[in-house]
Amino acid sequence: MNIRSILSGVAAATLLCALPETTCAQIFVVNSGHGVAGAGSIAKYTTSGATVNPALVSGLTDPQGIAVSGGKLFVAIRTSSGTGAIAEYTTSGALVNPSLISGLDGPGVIAVSGGDLFVATPRADIEAEMIGKYTTAGATVNAALIPQLGPVPDIAVSGDNLFLTTETVVKKYITSGALVNGALVSGLSFALGIAISGDKLFVVDSGTDPGTGTIGEYTLSGVPVNPALISGLTFPGAIDVSGDNLFVAGFDTGTIGKYTTSGATVNASLISGLNDLGDIAVASVSVPEASSVTLLLLGVAAMFGLRSLLRRPA
C-alpha cells in the first residue's frame, strides 16, 4: 500500500466521523442536573476524551439511564407532568420521540439488545424495583418482566441473558424473566455498574471509602477471573466497554477514566470537570443515519479530490 492510498483512507475515515449524525466511538454522558426541572443534559465526547458537544441534549428533568443502539439514544427522564418516560433521540441529539415509552414511575437504568429495551422502575405497591421489557419501537412486552427486586443500579444484556446489580450481588436471568442465578457474583461492598464484552463480565464495586473501589472481571458464568482487575478507585459508578477499553464514571470525582480490559490505566481522568455525573453509554461502531447520505457523498467526492491532488507532481 502506497502513501496515496493510506492518505485517501485516512481522509475517508475522517470525513465519515465528522458527519454530525454519525457515531464514531463516542461517549454519551448524563448530567442529572440535581433533579431540577430542565437542568439535566446529555453530553457527547470522543473515546479519546475530546468534547464533541457538552449539551448535545439539554432541558431535561432528572435524566437517569442511557442506552445507545445504532443511531438511536434512549434516555430515562421525568416528563413535565411529573411521570417518567423513555425518550428517543438520534445520536446527533435530534428529538425523535419525547415519550417513546410513557407512564413510568421513576425509570432508572436502561439496557438495549437488538429490538428490546429493558428498563428498571420502582413498583408503586412496595419499596422495590422491577424490570420491564419493551421494544425499541415503544411497545410493551412485559412491564413487570422481573417483578420484585431491591435497588437496581445497572443492567446488561448478552444474548438471551440479562445481568443486573442489586446491592452486594450480581444476578443473572434469561431475557424472558426466569432467574438463572440469584448470586452469580457475591460478596461485593456496593455493586453498581456492569458491562459485558464477549465472554467477560466487568463489575463495579464502589467500595465503602475513597480509594477502595474496584472493577472486577468474571466469566458470564460468574467465575472470578480477577476480582480486583482495577483497584484504588474513588466511588466508581457507571461503566461501559468499547473494544479493548473500559470507561468508568467517578461520581464523586466528576471524571471518566479509561482503562484497558486487561486492567491497565490509559487515562484515569480522560474526561474531567463533570457536574452531576450520571450514567454513560459508549457507541463503538460508526453508524451513519439516513439523513447523512448527502454529506457522505460529499465526503467521498472530497476524498477523490484529495487523491487527484496527490497525483499532481510537486
Protein backbone atom coordinates (compact mmCIF):
# COMPACT_ATOMS: atom_id res chain seq x y z
CA MET A 1 0.00 0.00 0.00
CA ASN A 2 1.47 3.40 -1.02
CA ILE A 3 1.23 6.71 0.78
CA ARG A 4 -1.53 7.95 -1.51
CA SER A 5 -3.76 5.00 -0.61
CA ILE A 6 -3.07 5.49 3.08
CA LEU A 7 -3.88 9.20 2.99
CA SER A 8 -7.01 8.58 0.96
CA GLY A 9 -8.21 6.04 3.53
CA VAL A 10 -7.47 8.41 6.39
CA ALA A 11 -9.35 11.18 4.61
CA ALA A 12 -12.39 8.95 4.08
CA ALA A 13 -12.44 7.85 7.73
CA THR A 14 -12.03 11.42 8.95
CA LEU A 15 -14.86 12.68 6.77
CA LEU A 16 -17.16 9.89 7.91
CA CYS A 17 -16.52 10.55 11.60
CA ALA A 18 -17.06 14.26 11.01
CA LEU A 19 -20.63 13.72 9.85
CA PRO A 20 -22.87 15.27 12.52
CA GLU A 21 -25.21 12.28 12.67
CA THR A 22 -22.55 9.59 12.71
CA THR A 23 -21.48 7.73 15.83
CA CYS A 24 -17.74 7.07 15.70
CA ALA A 25 -16.68 5.51 19.02
CA GLN A 26 -18.21 8.22 21.18
CA ILE A 27 -19.21 8.54 24.83
CA PHE A 28 -22.62 9.87 25.84
CA VAL A 29 -22.72 11.22 29.40
CA VAL A 30 -25.75 12.03 31.56
CA ASN A 31 -25.73 15.22 33.62
CA SER A 32 -28.61 14.72 36.05
CA GLY A 33 -28.99 18.40 36.94
CA HIS A 34 -29.72 17.52 40.59
CA GLY A 35 -33.29 16.74 39.61
CA VAL A 36 -34.00 20.42 38.87
CA ALA A 37 -36.57 20.82 36.11
CA GLY A 38 -34.83 21.49 32.79
CA ALA A 39 -31.30 21.41 34.26
CA GLY A 40 -30.32 17.95 33.01
CA SER A 41 -28.45 17.26 29.80
CA ILE A 42 -26.59 14.72 27.69
CA ALA A 43 -23.00 15.48 26.64
CA LYS A 44 -21.03 13.82 23.85
CA TYR A 45 -17.29 13.10 23.76
CA THR A 46 -14.92 11.02 21.69
CA THR A 47 -13.33 7.98 23.29
CA SER A 48 -10.08 9.96 23.22
CA GLY A 49 -11.63 12.48 25.59
CA ALA A 50 -12.30 15.33 23.14
CA THR A 51 -15.53 17.27 23.61
CA VAL A 52 -17.95 16.90 20.71
CA ASN A 53 -20.93 18.68 22.28
CA PRO A 54 -21.26 19.40 26.02
CA ALA A 55 -25.02 19.94 25.62
CA LEU A 56 -25.98 17.53 22.85
CA VAL A 57 -29.41 17.27 24.51
CA SER A 58 -30.47 19.90 27.05
CA GLY A 59 -33.51 20.97 29.04
CA LEU A 60 -34.06 17.54 30.61
CA THR A 61 -35.56 16.91 34.03
CA ASP A 62 -33.76 14.33 36.13
CA PRO A 63 -32.32 12.14 33.34
CA GLN A 64 -31.17 8.76 34.62
CA GLY A 65 -30.23 5.77 32.47
CA ILE A 66 -29.00 6.00 28.89
CA ALA A 67 -28.50 3.39 26.18
CA VAL A 68 -27.31 3.62 22.58
CA SER A 69 -28.14 1.35 19.68
CA GLY A 70 -27.20 2.13 16.09
CA GLY A 71 -28.05 5.77 15.53
CA LYS A 72 -30.51 5.94 18.45
CA LEU A 73 -30.20 7.19 22.01
CA PHE A 74 -32.69 6.09 24.66
CA VAL A 75 -32.87 8.22 27.82
CA ALA A 76 -34.89 7.75 31.02
CA ILE A 77 -36.38 11.12 32.02
CA ARG A 78 -39.05 12.83 34.06
CA THR A 79 -41.75 14.48 31.98
CA SER A 80 -43.36 17.87 32.61
CA SER A 81 -46.32 16.12 34.26
CA GLY A 82 -44.02 14.53 36.82
CA THR A 83 -44.29 10.98 35.45
CA GLY A 84 -41.44 9.12 33.83
CA ALA A 85 -40.74 8.25 30.23
CA ILE A 86 -38.13 6.84 27.88
CA ALA A 87 -37.28 9.48 25.30
CA GLU A 88 -35.68 8.67 21.95
CA TYR A 89 -33.09 10.85 20.22
CA THR A 90 -30.68 10.41 17.36
CA THR A 91 -27.02 10.22 18.27
CA SER A 92 -26.72 13.74 16.84
CA GLY A 93 -29.14 14.97 19.52
CA ALA A 94 -32.30 15.36 17.43
CA LEU A 95 -35.52 14.51 19.28
CA VAL A 96 -37.37 11.56 17.76
CA ASN A 97 -39.98 10.84 20.43
CA PRO A 98 -40.14 12.54 23.87
CA SER A 99 -42.36 9.73 25.23
CA LEU A 100 -41.42 6.58 23.34
CA ILE A 101 -42.47 4.73 26.50
CA SER A 102 -44.67 6.76 28.84
CA GLY A 103 -46.44 6.46 32.18
CA LEU A 104 -43.41 5.05 34.00
CA ASP A 105 -42.82 5.68 37.69
CA GLY A 106 -39.28 6.98 38.01
CA PRO A 107 -37.44 4.99 35.29
CA GLY A 108 -33.79 4.38 36.08
CA VAL A 109 -31.19 2.37 34.21
CA ILE A 110 -31.76 1.02 30.70
CA ALA A 111 -30.24 -1.72 28.57
CA VAL A 112 -30.85 -2.32 24.87
CA SER A 113 -30.40 -5.57 22.97
CA GLY A 114 -31.49 -5.86 19.36
CA GLY A 115 -35.10 -4.70 19.24
CA ASP A 116 -35.66 -4.87 23.02
CA LEU A 117 -35.32 -2.33 25.82
CA PHE A 118 -35.03 -3.35 29.47
CA VAL A 119 -35.95 -0.63 31.99
CA ALA A 120 -35.68 -0.58 35.79
CA THR A 121 -38.57 1.20 37.54
CA PRO A 122 -39.86 1.33 41.13
CA ARG A 123 -43.02 -0.57 41.99
CA ALA A 124 -45.84 1.57 43.34
CA ASP A 125 -47.08 -1.02 45.82
CA ILE A 126 -43.81 -1.96 47.51
CA GLU A 127 -40.40 -0.44 48.18
CA ALA A 128 -38.64 -2.37 45.44
CA GLU A 129 -37.80 -2.16 41.78
CA MET A 130 -38.81 -4.20 38.78
CA ILE A 131 -37.51 -4.70 35.27
CA GLY A 132 -39.87 -4.04 32.36
CA LYS A 133 -39.33 -5.23 28.80
CA TYR A 134 -40.32 -3.10 25.81
CA THR A 135 -39.49 -2.93 22.13
CA THR A 136 -37.30 -0.14 20.75
CA ALA A 137 -40.44 1.00 18.91
CA GLY A 138 -42.12 1.63 22.27
CA ALA A 139 -44.44 -1.39 22.55
CA THR A 140 -44.82 -3.06 25.95
CA VAL A 141 -43.70 -6.69 26.04
CA ASN A 142 -43.93 -7.18 29.80
CA ALA A 143 -43.94 -4.18 32.16
CA ALA A 144 -43.18 -6.49 35.11
CA LEU A 145 -40.81 -8.96 33.48
CA ILE A 146 -38.90 -9.30 36.75
CA PRO A 147 -41.38 -8.08 39.35
CA GLN A 148 -39.61 -7.73 42.70
CA LEU A 149 -36.05 -6.61 43.26
CA GLY A 150 -34.05 -4.36 45.53
CA PRO A 151 -32.43 -1.24 44.06
CA VAL A 152 -31.06 -1.91 40.56
CA PRO A 153 -28.05 0.31 39.80
CA ASP A 154 -27.34 -1.25 36.38
CA ILE A 155 -28.44 -3.77 33.74
CA ALA A 156 -26.51 -5.53 30.97
CA VAL A 157 -27.68 -7.96 28.30
CA SER A 158 -25.73 -10.63 26.42
CA GLY A 159 -27.62 -12.87 24.03
CA ASP A 160 -30.50 -14.44 25.94
CA ASN A 161 -29.05 -13.50 29.32
CA LEU A 162 -29.84 -10.48 31.46
CA PHE A 163 -27.45 -9.41 34.23
CA LEU A 164 -28.21 -6.84 36.92
CA THR A 165 -26.59 -5.47 40.04
CA THR A 166 -28.50 -5.27 43.32
CA GLU A 167 -26.68 -4.04 46.41
CA THR A 168 -23.95 -6.65 47.07
CA VAL A 169 -24.60 -9.21 44.32
CA VAL A 170 -24.93 -9.65 40.57
CA LYS A 171 -27.99 -11.62 39.46
CA LYS A 172 -28.48 -13.47 36.20
CA TYR A 173 -31.79 -14.03 34.39
CA ILE A 174 -32.80 -15.03 30.92
CA THR A 175 -34.42 -12.27 28.89
CA SER A 176 -37.83 -13.92 29.29
CA GLY A 177 -37.58 -13.18 33.03
CA ALA A 178 -36.63 -16.53 34.56
CA LEU A 179 -33.96 -16.47 37.28
CA VAL A 180 -30.75 -18.35 36.45
CA ASN A 181 -28.60 -17.41 39.46
CA GLY A 182 -29.58 -15.02 42.26
CA ALA A 183 -25.98 -14.62 43.42
CA LEU A 184 -23.88 -15.03 40.28
CA VAL A 185 -21.27 -12.73 41.80
CA SER A 186 -21.49 -12.10 45.55
CA GLY A 187 -19.52 -10.56 48.40
CA LEU A 188 -19.41 -7.08 46.87
CA SER A 189 -19.44 -3.97 49.06
CA PHE A 190 -21.71 -1.94 46.79
CA ALA A 191 -22.33 -3.29 43.31
CA LEU A 192 -23.03 -0.53 40.79
CA GLY A 193 -22.09 -0.59 37.11
CA ILE A 194 -21.85 -3.70 34.96
CA ALA A 195 -20.59 -4.22 31.40
CA ILE A 196 -20.09 -7.18 29.07
CA SER A 197 -17.51 -7.76 26.35
CA GLY A 198 -17.61 -11.15 24.67
CA ASP A 199 -17.39 -13.74 27.45
CA LYS A 200 -16.18 -11.20 30.02
CA LEU A 201 -18.29 -9.61 32.72
CA PHE A 202 -16.95 -6.42 34.33
CA VAL A 203 -18.48 -5.39 37.66
CA VAL A 204 -18.05 -2.13 39.54
CA ASP A 205 -17.75 -2.41 43.31
CA SER A 206 -17.98 1.19 44.52
CA GLY A 207 -16.37 0.37 47.86
CA THR A 208 -17.10 1.96 51.21
CA ASP A 209 -14.33 4.57 51.40
CA PRO A 210 -12.37 6.71 48.93
CA GLY A 211 -9.77 4.59 47.13
CA THR A 212 -11.47 1.27 47.86
CA GLY A 213 -13.48 0.98 44.65
CA THR A 214 -12.66 -1.80 42.18
CA ILE A 215 -13.54 -3.19 38.78
CA GLY A 216 -13.70 -6.98 38.84
CA GLU A 217 -13.57 -9.36 35.90
CA TYR A 218 -15.67 -12.53 35.81
CA THR A 219 -16.91 -15.02 33.26
CA LEU A 220 -20.56 -14.90 32.23
CA SER A 221 -20.98 -17.95 34.47
CA GLY A 222 -19.78 -15.93 37.46
CA VAL A 223 -16.32 -17.49 37.77
CA PRO A 224 -13.83 -14.91 39.12
CA VAL A 225 -11.03 -14.06 36.71
CA ASN A 226 -9.69 -11.07 38.62
CA PRO A 227 -11.98 -9.50 41.27
CA ALA A 228 -9.60 -6.52 41.53
CA LEU A 229 -8.70 -6.05 37.87
CA ILE A 230 -8.65 -2.31 38.54
CA SER A 231 -8.34 -1.07 42.11
CA GLY A 232 -7.80 2.09 44.14
CA LEU A 233 -10.80 3.91 42.65
CA THR A 234 -12.86 6.53 44.46
CA PHE A 235 -16.53 5.62 44.31
CA PRO A 236 -16.72 4.42 40.70
CA GLY A 237 -20.21 4.10 39.28
CA ALA A 238 -21.31 3.61 35.69
CA ILE A 239 -19.18 1.58 33.29
CA ASP A 240 -19.19 0.74 29.60
CA VAL A 241 -16.85 -1.05 27.21
CA SER A 242 -15.68 -0.37 23.67
CA GLY A 243 -13.28 -2.76 22.02
CA ASP A 244 -10.36 -3.30 24.37
CA ASN A 245 -11.18 -0.30 26.55
CA LEU A 246 -13.27 0.24 29.66
CA PHE A 247 -14.77 3.63 30.51
CA VAL A 248 -15.61 4.23 34.17
CA ALA A 249 -17.52 7.16 35.67
CA GLY A 250 -16.38 8.51 39.02
CA PHE A 251 -19.46 10.04 40.61
CA ASP A 252 -17.59 11.90 43.36
CA THR A 253 -14.59 12.90 41.24
CA GLY A 254 -16.61 14.09 38.26
CA THR A 255 -14.37 12.17 35.89
CA ILE A 256 -14.50 9.39 33.34
CA GLY A 257 -11.45 7.16 33.35
CA LYS A 258 -10.20 5.00 30.50
CA TYR A 259 -8.63 1.59 31.13
CA THR A 260 -7.86 -1.47 29.06
CA THR A 261 -9.90 -4.64 29.55
CA SER A 262 -6.70 -6.20 30.89
CA GLY A 263 -6.62 -3.65 33.71
CA ALA A 264 -4.03 -1.11 32.54
CA THR A 265 -4.69 2.57 33.12
CA VAL A 266 -4.87 4.60 29.90
CA ASN A 267 -6.07 7.86 31.47
CA ALA A 268 -7.74 7.93 34.88
CA SER A 269 -9.16 11.39 34.11
CA LEU A 270 -9.86 11.11 30.41
CA ILE A 271 -12.80 13.47 30.86
CA SER A 272 -12.89 15.71 33.94
CA GLY A 273 -14.79 18.61 35.45
CA LEU A 274 -18.17 16.91 35.09
CA ASN A 275 -21.02 18.01 37.34
CA ASP A 276 -23.90 15.78 38.46
CA LEU A 277 -22.36 12.89 36.55
CA GLY A 278 -24.77 10.02 35.99
CA ASP A 279 -24.94 7.15 33.55
CA ILE A 280 -22.73 6.73 30.47
CA ALA A 281 -23.08 4.87 27.18
CA VAL A 282 -20.42 4.21 24.57
CA ALA A 283 -21.15 3.74 20.89
CA SER A 284 -18.39 1.62 19.38
CA VAL A 285 -19.36 1.42 15.72
CA SER A 286 -19.70 4.08 13.04
CA VAL A 287 -23.40 4.23 12.15
CA PRO A 288 -24.36 6.87 9.56
CA GLU A 289 -28.04 7.74 9.72
CA ALA A 290 -30.20 8.10 6.62
CA SER A 291 -30.06 11.89 6.68
CA SER A 292 -26.25 11.75 6.47
CA VAL A 293 -26.20 10.23 2.98
CA THR A 294 -25.81 13.55 1.20
CA LEU A 295 -22.92 14.58 3.43
CA LEU A 296 -21.33 11.19 2.96
CA LEU A 297 -21.44 11.57 -0.81
CA LEU A 298 -19.83 14.99 -0.47
CA GLY A 299 -17.17 13.39 1.68
CA VAL A 300 -16.48 10.75 -0.94
CA ALA A 301 -16.20 13.47 -3.56
CA ALA A 302 -13.75 15.34 -1.34
CA MET A 303 -11.74 12.15 -0.89
CA PHE A 304 -11.35 11.76 -4.64
CA GLY A 305 -10.38 15.42 -4.86
CA LEU A 306 -7.61 14.72 -2.36
CA ARG A 307 -6.41 11.78 -4.42
CA SER A 308 -6.31 13.98 -7.53
CA LEU A 309 -4.14 16.46 -5.67
CA LEU A 310 -1.83 13.67 -4.60
CA ARG A 311 -1.35 12.62 -8.22
CA ARG A 312 -0.09 16.07 -9.24
CA PRO A 313 3.66 16.45 -9.48
CA ALA A 314 5.28 18.60 -6.84
